[in-house]
Amino acid sequence: MNVRITRSNGRETRAVILEHAQAELEAYGPVKFNILRVIENSGVGRSSVYHQFGDRNGLIAAVEVERFIEEIRITNELLRLSVAAVKTSDELFLLIEQALHAVSTTEGRESRAHRIAVIAAAQSIPSLEAALAEHGNSGDHYLAETLEMGITRGIINPQESTLSIARIISTLFIGRISVDGLNSPDDDNAWVRTTVSILKFLLLPV
């Protein structure tokens, strides 16, 4: 029998619940997801689970939000590695263009659609909406720091604040979902070309 967790701060309790909820979702999928099984396996009191996430759907949405946040973190880290590795602005924008084309696949479109669905679902759950806002803001600051690295290395020379540009970049990538709906390779290629042109304009390569 699991030992019930009686003392834990909210953040630690949330992490324990999400860990077991993610395992449940991976094992059984959203249709057979059982919140009572999560409660039993996690050792967290039932009231704590419902207090943190509201209900079964809220808990599933919370897992998806955590996955979304992790995807953003990985993307930002890959971009930072790229900025650290390239020697010229041409190399940087070529890598960005290649990366944008690499996710012009069915899997890429499905991933973006899923991200939008997660964002929409989180809007009705205050704690998830706050978590997305918090991590979105920290992600923008991380990206701004990456841009500062590019400035220091002489690869880019933007005239606007790096944080403002980071937030523009975030909205550009989320907005790609509107082009995905056209299901047109030509339109998608045009979006990639235009996006790279916009980034060049914003970052003013030297």
N, C-alpha and C. Protein backbone atom coordinates (compact mmCIF):
# COMPACT_ATOMS: atom_id res chain seq x y z
N MET A 1 0.85 -1.19 0.00
CA MET A 1 0.00 0.00 0.00
C MET A 1 0.89 1.24 0.00
N ASN A 2 0.51 2.23 -0.79
CA ASN A 2 1.29 3.46 -0.86
C ASN A 2 1.14 4.28 0.40
N VAL A 3 2.23 4.90 0.82
CA VAL A 3 2.19 5.81 1.96
C VAL A 3 1.66 7.14 1.49
N ARG A 4 0.61 7.61 2.13
CA ARG A 4 0.00 8.87 1.73
C ARG A 4 0.91 10.05 2.05
N ILE A 5 0.99 10.98 1.13
CA ILE A 5 1.78 12.18 1.35
C ILE A 5 0.95 13.16 2.16
N THR A 6 1.43 13.46 3.36
CA THR A 6 0.64 14.34 4.23
C THR A 6 1.22 15.74 4.30
N ARG A 7 2.53 15.87 4.07
CA ARG A 7 3.16 17.19 4.14
C ARG A 7 4.03 17.41 2.91
N SER A 8 3.69 18.41 2.19
CA SER A 8 4.45 18.76 1.00
C SER A 8 3.96 20.10 0.53
N ASN A 9 4.86 20.90 0.03
CA ASN A 9 4.38 22.17 -0.49
C ASN A 9 3.66 21.94 -1.81
N GLY A 10 2.94 22.96 -2.25
CA GLY A 10 2.11 22.80 -3.44
C GLY A 10 2.88 22.41 -4.69
N ARG A 11 4.07 22.95 -4.85
CA ARG A 11 4.86 22.67 -6.05
C ARG A 11 5.32 21.21 -6.08
N GLU A 12 5.77 20.70 -4.94
CA GLU A 12 6.22 19.32 -4.87
C GLU A 12 5.05 18.35 -5.09
N THR A 13 3.93 18.66 -4.48
CA THR A 13 2.75 17.81 -4.65
C THR A 13 2.31 17.79 -6.11
N ARG A 14 2.31 18.94 -6.74
CA ARG A 14 1.93 19.05 -8.14
C ARG A 14 2.85 18.20 -9.02
N ALA A 15 4.16 18.26 -8.73
CA ALA A 15 5.13 17.50 -9.53
C ALA A 15 4.89 16.00 -9.40
N VAL A 16 4.59 15.53 -8.18
CA VAL A 16 4.33 14.11 -7.96
C VAL A 16 3.08 13.67 -8.73
N ILE A 17 2.04 14.46 -8.64
CA ILE A 17 0.80 14.13 -9.35
C ILE A 17 1.03 14.07 -10.85
N LEU A 18 1.72 15.07 -11.38
CA LEU A 18 1.96 15.13 -12.82
C LEU A 18 2.83 13.98 -13.30
N GLU A 19 3.79 13.59 -12.50
CA GLU A 19 4.66 12.47 -12.87
C GLU A 19 3.83 11.20 -13.08
N HIS A 20 2.92 10.93 -12.16
CA HIS A 20 2.11 9.71 -12.25
C HIS A 20 1.00 9.87 -13.30
N ALA A 21 0.51 11.08 -13.47
CA ALA A 21 -0.50 11.31 -14.49
C ALA A 21 0.09 11.12 -15.89
N GLN A 22 1.32 11.55 -16.07
CA GLN A 22 1.97 11.36 -17.36
C GLN A 22 2.19 9.87 -17.64
N ALA A 23 2.60 9.13 -16.63
CA ALA A 23 2.77 7.69 -16.79
C ALA A 23 1.45 7.02 -17.14
N GLU A 24 0.38 7.47 -16.50
CA GLU A 24 -0.95 6.93 -16.78
C GLU A 24 -1.38 7.24 -18.21
N LEU A 25 -1.12 8.46 -18.65
CA LEU A 25 -1.51 8.86 -20.00
C LEU A 25 -0.72 8.08 -21.05
N GLU A 26 0.56 7.87 -20.80
CA GLU A 26 1.39 7.13 -21.73
C GLU A 26 0.99 5.65 -21.79
N ALA A 27 0.57 5.11 -20.66
CA ALA A 27 0.21 3.69 -20.60
C ALA A 27 -1.17 3.40 -21.15
N TYR A 28 -2.13 4.30 -20.92
CA TYR A 28 -3.52 4.00 -21.25
C TYR A 28 -4.15 4.95 -22.27
N GLY A 29 -3.51 6.09 -22.54
CA GLY A 29 -4.09 7.06 -23.46
C GLY A 29 -5.19 7.87 -22.79
N PRO A 30 -5.67 8.92 -23.46
CA PRO A 30 -6.66 9.82 -22.85
C PRO A 30 -8.02 9.18 -22.61
N VAL A 31 -8.40 8.20 -23.44
CA VAL A 31 -9.72 7.59 -23.30
C VAL A 31 -9.81 6.74 -22.04
N LYS A 32 -8.77 5.96 -21.76
CA LYS A 32 -8.79 5.05 -20.61
C LYS A 32 -8.06 5.63 -19.40
N PHE A 33 -7.70 6.89 -19.50
CA PHE A 33 -7.03 7.57 -18.38
C PHE A 33 -7.92 7.51 -17.15
N ASN A 34 -7.35 7.03 -16.01
CA ASN A 34 -8.13 6.84 -14.79
C ASN A 34 -7.52 7.68 -13.66
N ILE A 35 -8.23 8.71 -13.27
CA ILE A 35 -7.70 9.61 -12.25
C ILE A 35 -7.58 8.92 -10.89
N LEU A 36 -8.45 7.95 -10.62
CA LEU A 36 -8.38 7.23 -9.34
C LEU A 36 -7.10 6.39 -9.28
N ARG A 37 -6.70 5.85 -10.41
CA ARG A 37 -5.46 5.08 -10.46
C ARG A 37 -4.27 5.99 -10.22
N VAL A 38 -4.33 7.20 -10.78
CA VAL A 38 -3.27 8.19 -10.56
C VAL A 38 -3.16 8.52 -9.08
N ILE A 39 -4.30 8.72 -8.44
CA ILE A 39 -4.32 9.05 -7.02
C ILE A 39 -3.70 7.92 -6.20
N GLU A 40 -4.09 6.70 -6.52
CA GLU A 40 -3.56 5.55 -5.78
C GLU A 40 -2.07 5.39 -5.98
N ASN A 41 -1.62 5.49 -7.22
CA ASN A 41 -0.20 5.28 -7.52
C ASN A 41 0.69 6.41 -7.01
N SER A 42 0.15 7.62 -6.98
CA SER A 42 0.96 8.77 -6.57
C SER A 42 1.12 8.88 -5.06
N GLY A 43 0.15 8.32 -4.33
CA GLY A 43 0.19 8.45 -2.89
C GLY A 43 -0.25 9.81 -2.39
N VAL A 44 -0.81 10.62 -3.28
CA VAL A 44 -1.29 11.95 -2.92
C VAL A 44 -2.78 11.86 -2.57
N GLY A 45 -3.18 12.58 -1.57
CA GLY A 45 -4.58 12.57 -1.17
C GLY A 45 -5.51 13.00 -2.29
N ARG A 46 -6.67 12.37 -2.36
CA ARG A 46 -7.64 12.67 -3.42
C ARG A 46 -8.00 14.15 -3.44
N SER A 47 -8.18 14.73 -2.28
CA SER A 47 -8.58 16.14 -2.23
C SER A 47 -7.50 17.04 -2.82
N SER A 48 -6.23 16.65 -2.61
CA SER A 48 -5.14 17.45 -3.16
C SER A 48 -5.14 17.43 -4.68
N VAL A 49 -5.42 16.24 -5.24
CA VAL A 49 -5.44 16.11 -6.70
C VAL A 49 -6.56 16.96 -7.29
N TYR A 50 -7.74 16.87 -6.71
CA TYR A 50 -8.87 17.64 -7.25
C TYR A 50 -8.69 19.14 -6.98
N HIS A 51 -8.04 19.47 -5.88
CA HIS A 51 -7.79 20.89 -5.60
C HIS A 51 -6.83 21.47 -6.62
N GLN A 52 -5.79 20.70 -6.98
CA GLN A 52 -4.78 21.19 -7.91
C GLN A 52 -5.30 21.27 -9.34
N PHE A 53 -6.11 20.28 -9.76
CA PHE A 53 -6.43 20.17 -11.18
C PHE A 53 -7.93 20.16 -11.51
N GLY A 54 -8.77 20.17 -10.54
CA GLY A 54 -10.20 20.26 -10.80
C GLY A 54 -10.86 18.93 -11.05
N ASP A 55 -10.47 18.25 -12.12
CA ASP A 55 -11.07 16.97 -12.45
C ASP A 55 -10.15 16.20 -13.39
N ARG A 56 -10.66 15.10 -13.92
CA ARG A 56 -9.88 14.23 -14.81
C ARG A 56 -9.37 15.00 -16.03
N ASN A 57 -10.25 15.76 -16.67
CA ASN A 57 -9.86 16.51 -17.87
C ASN A 57 -8.82 17.58 -17.54
N GLY A 58 -8.98 18.19 -16.37
CA GLY A 58 -8.00 19.19 -15.96
C GLY A 58 -6.63 18.59 -15.74
N LEU A 59 -6.58 17.37 -15.22
CA LEU A 59 -5.31 16.70 -14.98
C LEU A 59 -4.65 16.31 -16.31
N ILE A 60 -5.45 15.81 -17.24
CA ILE A 60 -4.91 15.48 -18.57
C ILE A 60 -4.37 16.74 -19.23
N ALA A 61 -5.12 17.84 -19.15
CA ALA A 61 -4.67 19.10 -19.74
C ALA A 61 -3.37 19.56 -19.11
N ALA A 62 -3.22 19.35 -17.79
CA ALA A 62 -2.00 19.76 -17.11
C ALA A 62 -0.79 18.99 -17.62
N VAL A 63 -0.97 17.70 -17.89
CA VAL A 63 0.12 16.90 -18.44
C VAL A 63 0.51 17.43 -19.81
N GLU A 64 -0.49 17.75 -20.62
CA GLU A 64 -0.22 18.27 -21.97
C GLU A 64 0.49 19.62 -21.90
N VAL A 65 0.11 20.45 -20.94
CA VAL A 65 0.77 21.75 -20.77
C VAL A 65 2.24 21.54 -20.41
N GLU A 66 2.53 20.59 -19.53
CA GLU A 66 3.91 20.31 -19.15
C GLU A 66 4.72 19.84 -20.36
N ARG A 67 4.11 19.02 -21.21
CA ARG A 67 4.78 18.56 -22.43
C ARG A 67 5.07 19.74 -23.35
N PHE A 68 4.10 20.62 -23.48
CA PHE A 68 4.25 21.80 -24.32
C PHE A 68 5.39 22.67 -23.83
N ILE A 69 5.44 22.88 -22.52
CA ILE A 69 6.50 23.69 -21.92
C ILE A 69 7.87 23.06 -22.18
N GLU A 70 7.94 21.73 -22.08
CA GLU A 70 9.20 21.04 -22.33
C GLU A 70 9.62 21.18 -23.80
N GLU A 71 8.67 21.13 -24.72
CA GLU A 71 8.98 21.31 -26.14
C GLU A 71 9.57 22.71 -26.39
N ILE A 72 8.98 23.72 -25.76
CA ILE A 72 9.49 25.08 -25.90
C ILE A 72 10.91 25.18 -25.36
N ARG A 73 11.15 24.54 -24.22
CA ARG A 73 12.49 24.57 -23.62
C ARG A 73 13.52 23.95 -24.56
N ILE A 74 13.20 22.81 -25.12
CA ILE A 74 14.13 22.12 -26.03
C ILE A 74 14.38 22.97 -27.28
N THR A 75 13.32 23.55 -27.84
CA THR A 75 13.48 24.39 -29.02
C THR A 75 14.39 25.58 -28.74
N ASN A 76 14.18 26.22 -27.59
CA ASN A 76 15.02 27.37 -27.23
C ASN A 76 16.47 26.96 -27.02
N GLU A 77 16.69 25.80 -26.43
CA GLU A 77 18.06 25.34 -26.21
C GLU A 77 18.75 25.02 -27.53
N LEU A 78 18.02 24.43 -28.47
CA LEU A 78 18.60 24.12 -29.78
C LEU A 78 18.99 25.40 -30.52
N LEU A 79 18.12 26.43 -30.40
CA LEU A 79 18.43 27.70 -31.05
C LEU A 79 19.68 28.32 -30.43
N ARG A 80 19.80 28.22 -29.11
CA ARG A 80 20.99 28.78 -28.45
C ARG A 80 22.25 28.05 -28.91
N LEU A 81 22.17 26.74 -29.03
CA LEU A 81 23.32 25.98 -29.51
C LEU A 81 23.70 26.40 -30.93
N SER A 82 22.68 26.69 -31.74
CA SER A 82 22.94 27.13 -33.11
C SER A 82 23.65 28.47 -33.13
N VAL A 83 23.17 29.41 -32.31
CA VAL A 83 23.79 30.73 -32.25
C VAL A 83 25.23 30.62 -31.77
N ALA A 84 25.47 29.70 -30.85
CA ALA A 84 26.83 29.52 -30.32
C ALA A 84 27.75 28.86 -31.34
N ALA A 85 27.17 28.08 -32.26
CA ALA A 85 27.99 27.29 -33.18
C ALA A 85 28.33 28.02 -34.47
N VAL A 86 27.41 28.87 -34.97
CA VAL A 86 27.64 29.50 -36.27
C VAL A 86 28.65 30.63 -36.16
N LYS A 87 29.24 30.98 -37.31
CA LYS A 87 30.24 32.06 -37.34
C LYS A 87 29.74 33.31 -38.06
N THR A 88 28.68 33.14 -38.87
CA THR A 88 28.16 34.29 -39.62
C THR A 88 26.64 34.30 -39.56
N SER A 89 26.07 35.44 -39.89
CA SER A 89 24.61 35.55 -39.93
C SER A 89 24.03 34.67 -41.03
N ASP A 90 24.75 34.55 -42.15
CA ASP A 90 24.26 33.69 -43.23
C ASP A 90 24.10 32.25 -42.76
N GLU A 91 25.06 31.77 -41.98
CA GLU A 91 24.96 30.41 -41.44
C GLU A 91 23.76 30.28 -40.50
N LEU A 92 23.55 31.30 -39.68
CA LEU A 92 22.44 31.26 -38.74
C LEU A 92 21.10 31.19 -39.46
N PHE A 93 20.90 32.06 -40.44
CA PHE A 93 19.60 32.09 -41.13
C PHE A 93 19.40 30.85 -42.00
N LEU A 94 20.48 30.27 -42.48
CA LEU A 94 20.36 29.02 -43.22
C LEU A 94 19.89 27.90 -42.30
N LEU A 95 20.45 27.85 -41.08
CA LEU A 95 20.01 26.85 -40.11
C LEU A 95 18.55 27.03 -39.74
N ILE A 96 18.14 28.28 -39.55
CA ILE A 96 16.74 28.56 -39.20
C ILE A 96 15.83 28.12 -40.34
N GLU A 97 16.19 28.44 -41.58
CA GLU A 97 15.37 28.06 -42.73
C GLU A 97 15.28 26.54 -42.84
N GLN A 98 16.38 25.86 -42.63
CA GLN A 98 16.37 24.40 -42.69
C GLN A 98 15.49 23.81 -41.60
N ALA A 99 15.55 24.40 -40.40
CA ALA A 99 14.73 23.91 -39.29
C ALA A 99 13.25 24.11 -39.58
N LEU A 100 12.89 25.25 -40.17
CA LEU A 100 11.49 25.52 -40.49
C LEU A 100 10.98 24.55 -41.55
N HIS A 101 11.81 24.25 -42.54
CA HIS A 101 11.42 23.27 -43.55
C HIS A 101 11.31 21.87 -42.95
N ALA A 102 12.16 21.57 -41.97
CA ALA A 102 12.18 20.23 -41.38
C ALA A 102 10.88 19.89 -40.67
N VAL A 103 10.16 20.91 -40.20
CA VAL A 103 8.89 20.66 -39.51
C VAL A 103 7.69 21.00 -40.41
N SER A 104 7.93 21.00 -41.73
CA SER A 104 6.85 21.20 -42.68
C SER A 104 6.21 19.87 -43.05
N THR A 105 6.23 18.94 -42.12
CA THR A 105 5.74 17.58 -42.33
C THR A 105 4.37 17.41 -41.70
N THR A 106 3.76 16.26 -41.97
CA THR A 106 2.49 15.95 -41.33
C THR A 106 2.64 15.95 -39.82
N GLU A 107 3.75 15.37 -39.34
CA GLU A 107 4.01 15.34 -37.89
C GLU A 107 4.16 16.75 -37.33
N GLY A 108 4.82 17.61 -38.09
CA GLY A 108 4.99 18.98 -37.65
C GLY A 108 3.67 19.72 -37.56
N ARG A 109 2.82 19.52 -38.57
CA ARG A 109 1.49 20.16 -38.55
C ARG A 109 0.65 19.65 -37.40
N GLU A 110 0.71 18.33 -37.16
CA GLU A 110 -0.06 17.75 -36.06
C GLU A 110 0.44 18.27 -34.72
N SER A 111 1.76 18.44 -34.60
CA SER A 111 2.32 18.95 -33.36
C SER A 111 1.86 20.38 -33.09
N ARG A 112 1.85 21.21 -34.14
CA ARG A 112 1.40 22.60 -33.96
C ARG A 112 -0.09 22.66 -33.62
N ALA A 113 -0.88 21.80 -34.27
CA ALA A 113 -2.32 21.77 -33.97
C ALA A 113 -2.54 21.34 -32.52
N HIS A 114 -1.72 20.40 -32.07
CA HIS A 114 -1.86 19.94 -30.69
C HIS A 114 -1.49 21.05 -29.72
N ARG A 115 -0.45 21.83 -30.07
CA ARG A 115 -0.06 22.94 -29.21
C ARG A 115 -1.19 23.94 -29.05
N ILE A 116 -1.84 24.26 -30.16
CA ILE A 116 -2.95 25.22 -30.11
C ILE A 116 -4.08 24.67 -29.25
N ALA A 117 -4.36 23.36 -29.38
CA ALA A 117 -5.42 22.74 -28.58
C ALA A 117 -5.08 22.80 -27.10
N VAL A 118 -3.81 22.59 -26.76
CA VAL A 118 -3.39 22.65 -25.37
C VAL A 118 -3.56 24.06 -24.82
N ILE A 119 -3.15 25.05 -25.60
CA ILE A 119 -3.29 26.44 -25.17
C ILE A 119 -4.76 26.79 -24.95
N ALA A 120 -5.61 26.34 -25.87
CA ALA A 120 -7.05 26.62 -25.75
C ALA A 120 -7.63 25.95 -24.51
N ALA A 121 -7.25 24.70 -24.26
CA ALA A 121 -7.78 23.98 -23.10
C ALA A 121 -7.35 24.62 -21.80
N ALA A 122 -6.14 25.15 -21.78
CA ALA A 122 -5.61 25.75 -20.56
C ALA A 122 -6.32 27.05 -20.18
N GLN A 123 -6.97 27.69 -21.15
CA GLN A 123 -7.61 28.97 -20.86
C GLN A 123 -8.74 28.85 -19.85
N SER A 124 -9.33 27.67 -19.73
CA SER A 124 -10.45 27.49 -18.80
C SER A 124 -10.00 27.02 -17.43
N ILE A 125 -8.68 26.83 -17.25
CA ILE A 125 -8.15 26.37 -15.97
C ILE A 125 -7.12 27.39 -15.50
N PRO A 126 -7.47 28.23 -14.54
CA PRO A 126 -6.59 29.35 -14.15
C PRO A 126 -5.16 28.95 -13.85
N SER A 127 -4.96 27.83 -13.15
CA SER A 127 -3.60 27.44 -12.79
C SER A 127 -2.78 27.08 -14.02
N LEU A 128 -3.41 26.46 -15.01
CA LEU A 128 -2.71 26.09 -16.24
C LEU A 128 -2.45 27.31 -17.10
N GLU A 129 -3.42 28.20 -17.14
CA GLU A 129 -3.24 29.45 -17.89
C GLU A 129 -2.07 30.24 -17.31
N ALA A 130 -2.00 30.27 -15.97
CA ALA A 130 -0.90 30.98 -15.31
C ALA A 130 0.43 30.30 -15.58
N ALA A 131 0.44 28.95 -15.59
CA ALA A 131 1.68 28.21 -15.85
C ALA A 131 2.18 28.49 -17.26
N LEU A 132 1.27 28.50 -18.24
CA LEU A 132 1.66 28.79 -19.62
C LEU A 132 2.21 30.21 -19.74
N ALA A 133 1.55 31.15 -19.09
CA ALA A 133 2.01 32.54 -19.14
C ALA A 133 3.39 32.68 -18.51
N GLU A 134 3.58 32.03 -17.37
CA GLU A 134 4.86 32.12 -16.66
C GLU A 134 5.99 31.54 -17.51
N HIS A 135 5.76 30.35 -18.05
CA HIS A 135 6.82 29.70 -18.82
C HIS A 135 7.00 30.35 -20.19
N GLY A 136 5.92 30.88 -20.75
CA GLY A 136 6.05 31.62 -22.00
C GLY A 136 6.91 32.85 -21.81
N ASN A 137 6.71 33.52 -20.70
CA ASN A 137 7.49 34.71 -20.40
C ASN A 137 8.96 34.36 -20.16
N SER A 138 9.20 33.29 -19.39
CA SER A 138 10.58 32.89 -19.13
C SER A 138 11.24 32.40 -20.41
N GLY A 139 10.45 31.74 -21.30
CA GLY A 139 11.00 31.31 -22.58
C GLY A 139 11.39 32.48 -23.45
N ASP A 140 10.59 33.55 -23.43
CA ASP A 140 10.91 34.75 -24.19
C ASP A 140 12.19 35.40 -23.66
N HIS A 141 12.35 35.42 -22.35
CA HIS A 141 13.57 35.99 -21.77
C HIS A 141 14.79 35.14 -22.12
N TYR A 142 14.61 33.83 -22.14
CA TYR A 142 15.71 32.94 -22.52
C TYR A 142 16.11 33.19 -23.97
N LEU A 143 15.10 33.34 -24.84
CA LEU A 143 15.38 33.63 -26.24
C LEU A 143 16.06 34.99 -26.39
N ALA A 144 15.61 35.97 -25.60
CA ALA A 144 16.24 37.29 -25.65
C ALA A 144 17.71 37.20 -25.26
N GLU A 145 18.03 36.38 -24.26
CA GLU A 145 19.43 36.19 -23.87
C GLU A 145 20.23 35.53 -25.00
N THR A 146 19.58 34.62 -25.73
CA THR A 146 20.24 33.99 -26.87
C THR A 146 20.56 35.03 -27.94
N LEU A 147 19.61 35.93 -28.18
CA LEU A 147 19.84 37.01 -29.15
C LEU A 147 20.98 37.91 -28.69
N GLU A 148 21.06 38.16 -27.39
CA GLU A 148 22.16 38.97 -26.86
C GLU A 148 23.50 38.29 -27.14
N MET A 149 23.52 36.96 -27.06
CA MET A 149 24.74 36.21 -27.39
C MET A 149 25.12 36.47 -28.86
N GLY A 150 24.10 36.48 -29.73
CA GLY A 150 24.35 36.74 -31.14
C GLY A 150 24.91 38.12 -31.39
N ILE A 151 24.42 39.08 -30.61
CA ILE A 151 24.94 40.46 -30.72
C ILE A 151 26.40 40.49 -30.28
N THR A 152 26.68 39.87 -29.15
CA THR A 152 28.05 39.86 -28.62
C THR A 152 29.01 39.21 -29.61
N ARG A 153 28.53 38.19 -30.31
CA ARG A 153 29.40 37.48 -31.26
C ARG A 153 29.45 38.18 -32.62
N GLY A 154 28.72 39.28 -32.78
CA GLY A 154 28.74 40.03 -34.02
C GLY A 154 27.96 39.38 -35.16
N ILE A 155 27.01 38.50 -34.82
CA ILE A 155 26.24 37.79 -35.84
C ILE A 155 24.98 38.58 -36.21
N ILE A 156 24.40 39.26 -35.23
CA ILE A 156 23.20 40.05 -35.47
C ILE A 156 23.39 41.42 -34.84
N ASN A 157 22.53 42.36 -35.26
CA ASN A 157 22.64 43.72 -34.73
C ASN A 157 21.28 44.39 -34.71
N PRO A 158 20.34 43.86 -33.92
CA PRO A 158 18.99 44.42 -33.91
C PRO A 158 18.95 45.81 -33.27
N GLN A 159 18.00 46.62 -33.73
CA GLN A 159 17.84 47.96 -33.19
C GLN A 159 16.73 48.02 -32.15
N GLU A 160 15.83 47.05 -32.16
CA GLU A 160 14.79 46.97 -31.14
C GLU A 160 15.29 46.11 -29.99
N SER A 161 14.56 46.13 -28.87
CA SER A 161 14.98 45.34 -27.71
C SER A 161 14.89 43.85 -28.04
N THR A 162 15.83 43.10 -27.52
CA THR A 162 15.85 41.66 -27.81
C THR A 162 14.61 40.96 -27.24
N LEU A 163 14.08 41.45 -26.13
CA LEU A 163 12.89 40.83 -25.56
C LEU A 163 11.67 41.04 -26.46
N SER A 164 11.53 42.24 -27.00
CA SER A 164 10.42 42.52 -27.91
C SER A 164 10.52 41.63 -29.15
N ILE A 165 11.72 41.47 -29.67
CA ILE A 165 11.91 40.63 -30.84
C ILE A 165 11.63 39.17 -30.50
N ALA A 166 12.05 38.73 -29.32
CA ALA A 166 11.80 37.35 -28.89
C ALA A 166 10.30 37.07 -28.87
N ARG A 167 9.52 38.03 -28.41
CA ARG A 167 8.07 37.83 -28.33
C ARG A 167 7.44 37.82 -29.72
N ILE A 168 7.98 38.61 -30.63
CA ILE A 168 7.50 38.58 -32.02
C ILE A 168 7.79 37.21 -32.63
N ILE A 169 8.98 36.68 -32.38
CA ILE A 169 9.35 35.38 -32.91
C ILE A 169 8.41 34.30 -32.40
N SER A 170 8.07 34.35 -31.12
CA SER A 170 7.15 33.37 -30.55
C SER A 170 5.80 33.39 -31.25
N THR A 171 5.29 34.57 -31.53
CA THR A 171 3.98 34.66 -32.18
C THR A 171 4.05 34.23 -33.63
N LEU A 172 5.18 34.45 -34.29
CA LEU A 172 5.34 34.00 -35.67
C LEU A 172 5.20 32.49 -35.77
N PHE A 173 5.86 31.78 -34.88
CA PHE A 173 5.86 30.33 -34.97
C PHE A 173 4.51 29.73 -34.59
N ILE A 174 3.82 30.33 -33.63
CA ILE A 174 2.49 29.85 -33.27
C ILE A 174 1.51 30.11 -34.41
N GLY A 175 1.67 31.27 -35.08
CA GLY A 175 0.77 31.64 -36.16
C GLY A 175 0.88 30.76 -37.40
N ARG A 176 1.89 29.92 -37.45
CA ARG A 176 2.05 29.06 -38.62
C ARG A 176 0.85 28.12 -38.79
N ILE A 177 0.10 27.90 -37.73
CA ILE A 177 -1.06 27.00 -37.80
C ILE A 177 -2.04 27.44 -38.87
N SER A 178 -2.13 28.74 -39.13
CA SER A 178 -3.07 29.24 -40.15
C SER A 178 -2.66 28.80 -41.55
N VAL A 179 -1.35 28.66 -41.78
CA VAL A 179 -0.86 28.19 -43.07
C VAL A 179 -1.00 26.68 -43.17
N ASP A 180 -0.83 25.98 -42.05
CA ASP A 180 -1.00 24.52 -42.04
C ASP A 180 -2.37 24.13 -42.56
N GLY A 181 -3.38 24.92 -42.22
CA GLY A 181 -4.74 24.59 -42.63
C GLY A 181 -4.96 24.63 -44.12
N LEU A 182 -4.09 25.32 -44.84
CA LEU A 182 -4.22 25.39 -46.30
C LEU A 182 -3.77 24.10 -46.98
N ASN A 183 -2.93 23.34 -46.26
CA ASN A 183 -2.42 22.06 -46.78
C ASN A 183 -1.80 22.24 -48.16
N SER A 184 -1.01 23.28 -48.31
CA SER A 184 -0.39 23.62 -49.60
C SER A 184 1.12 23.76 -49.43
N PRO A 185 1.92 22.87 -50.05
CA PRO A 185 3.38 22.98 -49.96
C PRO A 185 3.89 24.33 -50.47
N ASP A 186 3.27 24.85 -51.53
CA ASP A 186 3.71 26.13 -52.06
C ASP A 186 3.50 27.25 -51.05
N ASP A 187 2.33 27.27 -50.42
CA ASP A 187 2.06 28.29 -49.42
C ASP A 187 2.97 28.13 -48.21
N ASP A 188 3.26 26.88 -47.83
CA ASP A 188 4.13 26.64 -46.69
C ASP A 188 5.55 27.12 -47.00
N ASN A 189 6.04 26.83 -48.20
CA ASN A 189 7.37 27.29 -48.59
C ASN A 189 7.44 28.81 -48.61
N ALA A 190 6.36 29.43 -49.07
CA ALA A 190 6.31 30.89 -49.09
C ALA A 190 6.35 31.45 -47.67
N TRP A 191 5.66 30.75 -46.75
CA TRP A 191 5.66 31.19 -45.35
C TRP A 191 7.08 31.11 -44.78
N VAL A 192 7.79 30.03 -45.08
CA VAL A 192 9.16 29.89 -44.58
C VAL A 192 10.05 31.00 -45.12
N ARG A 193 9.96 31.25 -46.42
CA ARG A 193 10.79 32.30 -47.01
C ARG A 193 10.49 33.66 -46.39
N THR A 194 9.19 33.95 -46.25
CA THR A 194 8.80 35.25 -45.71
C THR A 194 9.21 35.38 -44.25
N THR A 195 9.07 34.31 -43.49
CA THR A 195 9.45 34.34 -42.08
C THR A 195 10.94 34.59 -41.93
N VAL A 196 11.75 33.94 -42.74
CA VAL A 196 13.20 34.17 -42.69
C VAL A 196 13.52 35.61 -43.06
N SER A 197 12.79 36.15 -44.05
CA SER A 197 13.00 37.56 -44.43
C SER A 197 12.65 38.49 -43.28
N ILE A 198 11.56 38.19 -42.58
CA ILE A 198 11.15 39.00 -41.44
C ILE A 198 12.21 38.95 -40.34
N LEU A 199 12.73 37.75 -40.07
CA LEU A 199 13.76 37.60 -39.04
C LEU A 199 15.03 38.37 -39.42
N LYS A 200 15.38 38.32 -40.70
CA LYS A 200 16.55 39.08 -41.14
C LYS A 200 16.32 40.58 -40.94
N PHE A 201 15.12 41.03 -41.24
CA PHE A 201 14.82 42.45 -41.07
C PHE A 201 14.89 42.84 -39.59
N LEU A 202 14.33 41.99 -38.72
CA LEU A 202 14.32 42.30 -37.29
C LEU A 202 15.71 42.23 -36.67
N LEU A 203 16.49 41.27 -37.12
CA LEU A 203 17.78 41.05 -36.48
C LEU A 203 18.92 41.77 -37.19
N LEU A 204 18.63 42.35 -38.35
CA LEU A 204 19.61 43.16 -39.07
C LEU A 204 21.00 42.51 -39.10
N PRO A 205 21.16 41.44 -39.85
CA PRO A 205 22.46 40.78 -39.89
C PRO A 205 23.54 41.74 -40.39
N VAL A 206 24.73 41.63 -39.78
CA VAL A 206 25.82 42.53 -40.14
C VAL A 206 26.84 41.80 -41.02
